[in-house]
Protein backbone atom coordinates (compact mmCIF):
# COMPACT_ATOMS: atom_id res chain seq x y z
CA MET A 1 -0.64 -58.34 113.78
CA ILE A 2 1.56 -55.87 111.90
CA PRO A 3 4.72 -58.00 112.40
CA LEU A 4 2.81 -60.98 110.93
CA LEU A 5 1.79 -58.95 107.83
CA VAL A 6 5.37 -57.72 107.37
CA ALA A 7 6.66 -61.29 107.69
CA LEU A 8 4.15 -62.54 105.11
CA ALA A 9 4.97 -59.70 102.71
CA ALA A 10 8.71 -60.40 102.99
CA ALA A 11 8.39 -64.19 102.64
CA PRO A 12 9.64 -65.58 99.33
CA VAL A 13 6.91 -66.71 96.98
CA ALA A 14 7.52 -69.98 95.16
CA PRO A 15 7.10 -69.61 91.39
CA ALA A 16 4.20 -71.41 89.79
CA PRO A 17 5.19 -74.68 88.13
CA PRO A 18 5.65 -74.35 84.36
CA ARG A 19 2.58 -75.18 82.33
CA GLU A 20 2.66 -77.74 79.55
CA PRO A 21 2.58 -75.87 76.21
CA GLY A 22 -0.38 -76.42 73.90
CA LEU A 23 -0.27 -78.44 70.65
CA PHE A 24 1.07 -75.66 68.41
CA ALA A 25 3.40 -74.29 71.06
CA ARG A 26 4.87 -77.81 71.33
CA ALA A 27 5.26 -77.92 67.53
CA THR A 28 7.27 -74.69 67.41
CA HIS A 29 8.01 -74.14 71.12
CA GLU A 30 8.70 -70.45 70.73
CA ARG A 31 11.58 -71.18 68.35
CA SER A 32 12.11 -69.79 64.89
CA LEU A 33 10.52 -71.79 62.10
CA ALA A 34 13.53 -71.14 59.85
CA GLY A 35 14.89 -74.40 58.48
CA ARG A 36 12.07 -76.51 59.93
CA THR A 37 9.96 -78.95 57.92
CA PHE A 38 6.40 -80.02 58.67
CA PHE A 39 4.21 -82.82 57.33
CA LEU A 40 0.59 -81.65 57.26
CA PRO A 41 -1.98 -84.42 56.77
CA GLY A 42 -5.52 -83.13 56.51
CA VAL A 43 -9.12 -83.67 55.55
CA ALA A 44 -11.30 -81.24 53.58
CA TRP A 45 -14.84 -80.53 52.44
CA VAL A 46 -14.72 -79.75 48.72
CA SER A 47 -17.39 -78.25 46.44
CA TRP A 48 -17.24 -78.00 42.62
CA ALA A 49 -19.11 -75.71 40.23
CA PRO A 50 -18.51 -75.68 36.46
CA ILE A 51 -17.43 -72.40 34.89
CA ARG A 52 -17.26 -73.58 31.32
CA GLY A 53 -18.11 -76.94 29.82
CA GLU A 54 -21.10 -78.80 28.56
CA VAL A 55 -21.76 -81.20 31.43
CA ALA A 56 -25.15 -80.35 32.92
CA ASP A 57 -25.76 -80.48 36.67
CA LEU A 58 -22.12 -80.96 37.61
CA SER A 59 -22.23 -78.87 40.80
CA ARG A 60 -21.22 -81.31 43.49
CA ALA A 61 -19.65 -81.55 46.94
CA GLY A 62 -17.59 -84.22 48.66
CA LEU A 63 -14.66 -85.05 50.89
CA GLY A 64 -10.96 -85.07 50.26
CA PHE A 65 -7.65 -85.85 51.87
CA GLU A 66 -4.45 -83.85 51.52
CA LEU A 67 -0.85 -84.30 52.52
CA SER A 68 1.46 -81.30 52.35
CA VAL A 69 5.11 -80.91 53.18
CA ALA A 70 6.21 -77.37 54.06
CA HIS A 71 9.82 -76.26 54.58
CA TRP A 72 10.20 -72.88 56.26
CA LEU A 73 12.95 -70.77 54.69
CA ASP A 74 13.30 -67.80 57.03
CA GLY A 75 10.63 -68.15 59.70
CA HIS A 76 8.05 -66.31 57.59
CA GLY A 77 8.15 -67.81 54.08
CA TYR A 78 7.93 -71.47 53.09
CA VAL A 79 7.94 -73.76 50.05
CA GLY A 80 6.62 -77.26 49.74
CA ALA A 81 4.70 -79.92 47.89
CA THR A 82 1.11 -81.11 48.10
CA GLY A 83 -0.89 -84.17 47.11
CA GLN A 84 -4.68 -84.44 47.13
CA VAL A 85 -7.22 -87.22 46.71
CA GLU A 86 -10.87 -86.11 46.51
CA HIS A 87 -14.28 -87.41 45.55
CA VAL A 88 -16.56 -84.70 44.22
CA GLY A 89 -19.11 -86.77 42.30
CA ARG A 90 -16.08 -88.34 40.62
CA PRO A 91 -12.63 -89.23 41.91
CA ARG A 92 -9.82 -86.74 41.32
CA VAL A 93 -6.16 -86.62 42.28
CA ALA A 94 -3.65 -83.76 42.20
CA LEU A 95 0.07 -83.25 42.78
CA GLY A 96 1.73 -79.87 42.97
CA VAL A 97 3.95 -77.31 44.62
CA GLN A 98 3.14 -74.57 47.09
CA ALA A 99 4.72 -71.43 48.46
CA GLY A 100 3.53 -69.10 51.17
CA TYR A 101 4.22 -66.27 53.54
CA GLU A 102 2.92 -66.64 57.09
CA LEU A 103 -0.88 -67.16 56.77
CA VAL A 104 -1.31 -66.98 52.97
CA GLY A 105 -0.02 -69.07 50.10
CA LEU A 106 -0.54 -70.45 46.61
CA GLU A 107 -0.70 -74.02 45.33
CA VAL A 108 -0.14 -74.87 41.65
CA SER A 109 -1.04 -78.46 40.81
CA ALA A 110 -1.62 -80.86 37.95
CA ALA A 111 -4.95 -82.61 38.54
CA ARG A 112 -6.61 -85.62 36.96
CA GLU A 113 -10.37 -86.05 37.01
CA LEU A 114 -10.80 -89.82 36.67
CA PRO A 115 -13.36 -91.18 34.19
CA VAL A 116 -16.62 -92.58 35.59
CA SER A 117 -19.68 -94.08 33.93
CA GLY A 118 -20.58 -91.88 30.96
CA GLU A 119 -18.22 -89.02 31.82
CA GLY A 120 -14.66 -88.90 30.51
CA GLY A 121 -11.55 -88.09 32.47
CA GLN A 122 -9.66 -84.85 32.15
CA TRP A 123 -6.25 -83.33 32.92
CA SER A 124 -6.35 -79.85 34.41
CA LEU A 125 -4.22 -77.14 35.95
CA GLN A 126 -5.29 -76.18 39.46
CA LEU A 127 -4.50 -72.72 40.91
CA ALA A 128 -5.37 -72.40 44.58
CA PRO A 129 -4.62 -69.38 46.77
CA PHE A 130 -5.23 -70.22 50.42
CA VAL A 131 -5.44 -68.73 53.90
CA SER A 132 -4.74 -70.74 57.04
CA PHE A 133 -5.60 -70.00 60.66
CA GLY A 134 -3.98 -72.55 62.96
CA ILE A 135 -5.21 -75.92 61.76
CA LEU A 136 -8.09 -74.48 59.66
CA TRP A 137 -7.54 -73.50 56.00
CA VAL A 138 -9.78 -72.09 53.29
CA SER A 139 -9.13 -72.01 49.54
CA PRO A 140 -10.85 -71.25 46.25
CA ARG A 141 -9.42 -73.41 43.44
CA TRP A 142 -9.57 -72.46 39.79
CA ILE A 143 -9.60 -75.55 37.59
CA LEU A 144 -8.45 -74.97 34.00
CA ALA A 145 -9.03 -77.93 31.65
CA LEU A 146 -5.91 -78.88 29.71
CA ASP A 147 -7.49 -81.47 27.40
CA ARG A 148 -10.89 -82.28 25.89
CA ARG A 149 -12.03 -78.67 26.29
CA GLY A 150 -15.67 -78.28 25.35
CA ALA A 151 -16.36 -82.03 25.13
CA SER A 152 -19.90 -82.78 26.26
CA ASN A 153 -18.93 -85.60 28.63
CA HIS A 154 -16.00 -83.91 30.44
CA PRO A 155 -15.96 -81.56 33.44
CA GLY A 156 -14.42 -78.56 31.66
CA ASP A 157 -13.23 -75.53 33.63
CA GLY A 158 -14.48 -75.15 37.17
CA LEU A 159 -14.25 -73.43 40.50
CA MET A 160 -13.85 -75.32 43.75
CA PHE A 161 -14.25 -74.09 47.29
CA VAL A 162 -12.34 -75.99 49.97
CA VAL A 163 -12.48 -75.84 53.77
CA GLY A 164 -10.22 -78.18 55.70
CA VAL A 165 -8.17 -78.96 58.76
CA LYS A 166 -4.52 -80.04 58.85
CA LEU A 167 -2.38 -81.26 61.71
CA PRO A 168 1.21 -79.91 61.65
CA LEU A 169 3.72 -82.66 62.45
CA SER A 170 7.25 -81.33 62.89
CA THR A 171 10.12 -83.41 61.49
CA GLY A 172 13.87 -83.18 61.19
CA PRO A 173 16.23 -81.00 63.20
CA GLY A 174 14.61 -79.23 66.08
CA ALA A 175 11.54 -81.45 66.07
CA ALA A 176 11.73 -82.13 69.82
CA PRO A 177 11.07 -79.21 72.16
CA PRO A 178 14.05 -78.07 74.23
CA PRO A 179 14.23 -79.22 77.84
CA PRO A 180 12.58 -76.93 80.39
CA PRO A 181 14.88 -74.47 82.18
CA ALA A 182 16.49 -75.69 85.40
CA PRO A 183 14.77 -74.48 88.57
């Protein structure tokens, strides 16, 4: 019995087969993010509350879509661009730039609230700090009216709260994961 136990203890153990990495591990595959670019399409729940302006009962919620492009500079910091299309009681579109460090960032955008029956359109500046955890992101957005300030049929200044999900799609050099190590 003892020789059998010694033989079993001395027998080579085959290594477990490598496991397929998860979605985000496949996107980065344990490599540095430096120099990598990602497209990030996403969907968001958006709420709006007026801060200043004469439009009564303008607090609204709706859905939006966003497409961001993020280029990682050094593996920790990134810069990019963002575009948004939302419907929060009225259609609105925004284009801007973003910069971030790991999980936090800031978007600065020019936004256009499109005119709808009885309410005029408006250009605004949108400042949006954000935090992201994997595919989930959360952001307050300060909306500062650039034209028609104080007009009774325009949105005026506002605060938005946004919760969304984005899917990181790696592009360019290094987009494909390296081959697994030889056995």
